[in-house]
């Protein structure tokens, strides 16, 4: 099992930046994919960015060029650097982990964090 704890959410102004971090514990050595998702009330959870243990990433067009996902295998952390924030980025952001590399594209994750709120004001 893998346990995930997110940190770094908060309030930012449009055009500003925030950094989210996710610390993993437990069977982290077996995790081959990690990701950030976000969800707003009444909508489905959506992919923000995902990364394999080898560093291959997958991001939707809505965040490309603005958000960057990185992973530190030695520290068991995954970080989401969010720049040029927009009000529509407001959501609860969730960290996810999977034992299968393919989760980066399939979206099938084995563990989820509890989420951290990101609010972007205009």
Protein backbone atom coordinates (compact mmCIF):
# COMPACT_ATOMS: atom_id res chain seq x y z
CA UNK A 1 0.00 0.00 0.00
CA UNK A 2 0.99 3.58 -0.61
CA UNK A 3 -0.07 6.57 1.45
CA UNK A 4 -0.05 10.04 -0.09
CA UNK A 5 -0.11 13.43 1.61
CA UNK A 6 -0.46 16.65 -0.37
CA UNK A 7 0.68 20.11 0.67
CA UNK A 8 1.12 23.55 -0.81
CA UNK A 9 -2.40 24.54 -1.79
CA UNK A 10 -3.79 27.95 -1.06
CA UNK A 11 -4.82 31.22 -2.60
CA UNK A 12 -3.12 32.90 -5.55
CA UNK A 13 -3.92 35.74 -7.89
CA UNK A 14 -4.41 35.22 -11.59
CA UNK A 15 -1.01 35.15 -13.26
CA UNK A 16 0.66 33.98 -10.08
CA UNK A 17 2.28 30.70 -9.09
CA UNK A 18 1.83 27.92 -6.59
CA UNK A 19 3.75 24.74 -5.91
CA UNK A 20 2.06 21.55 -4.77
CA UNK A 21 3.97 18.70 -3.20
CA UNK A 22 2.98 15.12 -2.54
CA UNK A 23 4.88 12.90 -0.14
CA UNK A 24 4.52 9.15 -0.46
CA UNK A 25 5.08 6.52 2.19
CA UNK A 26 4.62 2.79 2.35
CA UNK A 27 5.40 0.72 -0.75
CA UNK A 28 6.73 3.70 -2.67
CA UNK A 29 9.47 1.62 -4.30
CA UNK A 30 6.77 -0.22 -6.30
CA UNK A 31 5.12 2.94 -7.63
CA UNK A 32 5.77 3.48 -11.34
CA UNK A 33 3.37 6.32 -12.06
CA UNK A 34 2.26 9.38 -10.14
CA UNK A 35 -0.09 12.14 -11.08
CA UNK A 36 -2.03 15.22 -10.09
CA UNK A 37 -5.74 15.43 -10.74
CA UNK A 38 -8.20 18.19 -9.91
CA UNK A 39 -11.90 18.38 -9.30
CA UNK A 40 -14.48 21.12 -8.94
CA UNK A 41 -17.92 20.52 -7.45
CA UNK A 42 -20.32 18.94 -9.91
CA UNK A 43 -17.62 17.94 -12.38
CA UNK A 44 -15.53 14.84 -12.96
CA UNK A 45 -12.01 14.62 -11.67
CA UNK A 46 -9.61 15.55 -14.48
CA UNK A 47 -5.95 14.88 -15.16
CA UNK A 48 -3.57 17.77 -14.54
CA UNK A 49 -0.26 16.00 -15.09
CA UNK A 50 1.23 12.53 -14.72
CA UNK A 51 4.75 11.17 -14.68
CA UNK A 52 6.40 7.76 -14.72
CA UNK A 53 9.30 6.76 -12.50
CA UNK A 54 11.51 7.22 -15.58
CA UNK A 55 10.39 10.82 -16.03
CA UNK A 56 7.99 10.48 -18.96
CA UNK A 57 5.13 12.92 -18.43
CA UNK A 58 1.63 13.42 -19.77
CA UNK A 59 -0.27 16.70 -19.51
CA UNK A 60 -3.48 17.94 -21.15
CA UNK A 61 -3.33 20.96 -23.44
CA UNK A 62 -5.09 23.08 -20.82
CA UNK A 63 -1.95 23.16 -18.63
CA UNK A 64 0.90 22.59 -21.10
CA UNK A 65 3.43 25.36 -20.86
CA UNK A 66 2.04 26.50 -17.49
CA UNK A 67 2.29 23.48 -15.17
CA UNK A 68 5.29 21.21 -14.69
CA UNK A 69 5.33 17.88 -12.88
CA UNK A 70 8.56 16.53 -11.45
CA UNK A 71 9.39 13.52 -9.36
CA UNK A 72 12.16 12.89 -6.86
CA UNK A 73 12.46 9.15 -6.44
CA UNK A 74 15.05 9.48 -3.68
CA UNK A 75 12.78 11.70 -1.57
CA UNK A 76 9.55 9.91 -2.47
CA UNK A 77 7.94 13.14 -3.61
CA UNK A 78 6.16 14.48 -6.66
CA UNK A 79 5.82 18.20 -7.24
CA UNK A 80 3.51 20.27 -9.40
CA UNK A 81 4.79 23.72 -10.27
CA UNK A 82 1.88 25.87 -11.41
CA UNK A 83 2.62 29.14 -13.20
CA UNK A 84 0.43 31.66 -14.99
CA UNK A 85 -2.52 30.56 -12.91
CA UNK A 86 -6.06 31.26 -14.13
CA UNK A 87 -9.32 31.44 -12.16
CA UNK A 88 -10.42 28.28 -13.95
CA UNK A 89 -7.55 26.43 -12.26
CA UNK A 90 -9.49 26.72 -9.00
CA UNK A 91 -10.17 23.20 -7.73
CA UNK A 92 -9.25 20.59 -5.18
CA UNK A 93 -6.02 18.99 -6.36
CA UNK A 94 -5.34 15.32 -5.67
CA UNK A 95 -2.14 13.33 -5.80
CA UNK A 96 -2.35 9.78 -7.16
CA UNK A 97 -0.01 6.80 -7.40
CA UNK A 98 -0.07 3.59 -9.41
CA UNK A 99 2.06 0.46 -9.63
CA UNK A 100 1.49 0.26 -13.41
CA UNK A 101 3.41 2.61 -15.72
CA UNK A 102 0.42 2.64 -18.02
CA UNK A 103 -1.62 4.59 -15.47
CA UNK A 104 -0.03 7.74 -16.86
CA UNK A 105 -2.24 7.24 -19.91
CA UNK A 106 -5.00 4.94 -18.61
CA UNK A 107 -5.85 6.94 -15.48
CA UNK A 108 -6.12 3.82 -13.36
CA UNK A 109 -4.46 4.67 -10.04
CA UNK A 110 -4.11 2.58 -6.91
CA UNK A 111 -3.87 5.26 -4.25
CA UNK A 112 -5.14 8.79 -3.77
CA UNK A 113 -4.36 11.61 -1.39
CA UNK A 114 -7.02 13.58 0.44
CA UNK A 115 -6.65 16.67 -1.70
CA UNK A 116 -5.57 20.25 -1.28
CA UNK A 117 -7.57 23.32 -2.24
CA UNK A 118 -6.21 25.74 -4.84
CA UNK A 119 -8.10 29.00 -5.33
CA UNK A 120 -7.13 31.52 -7.99
CA UNK A 121 -8.68 34.97 -7.78
CA UNK A 122 -9.15 37.23 -10.79
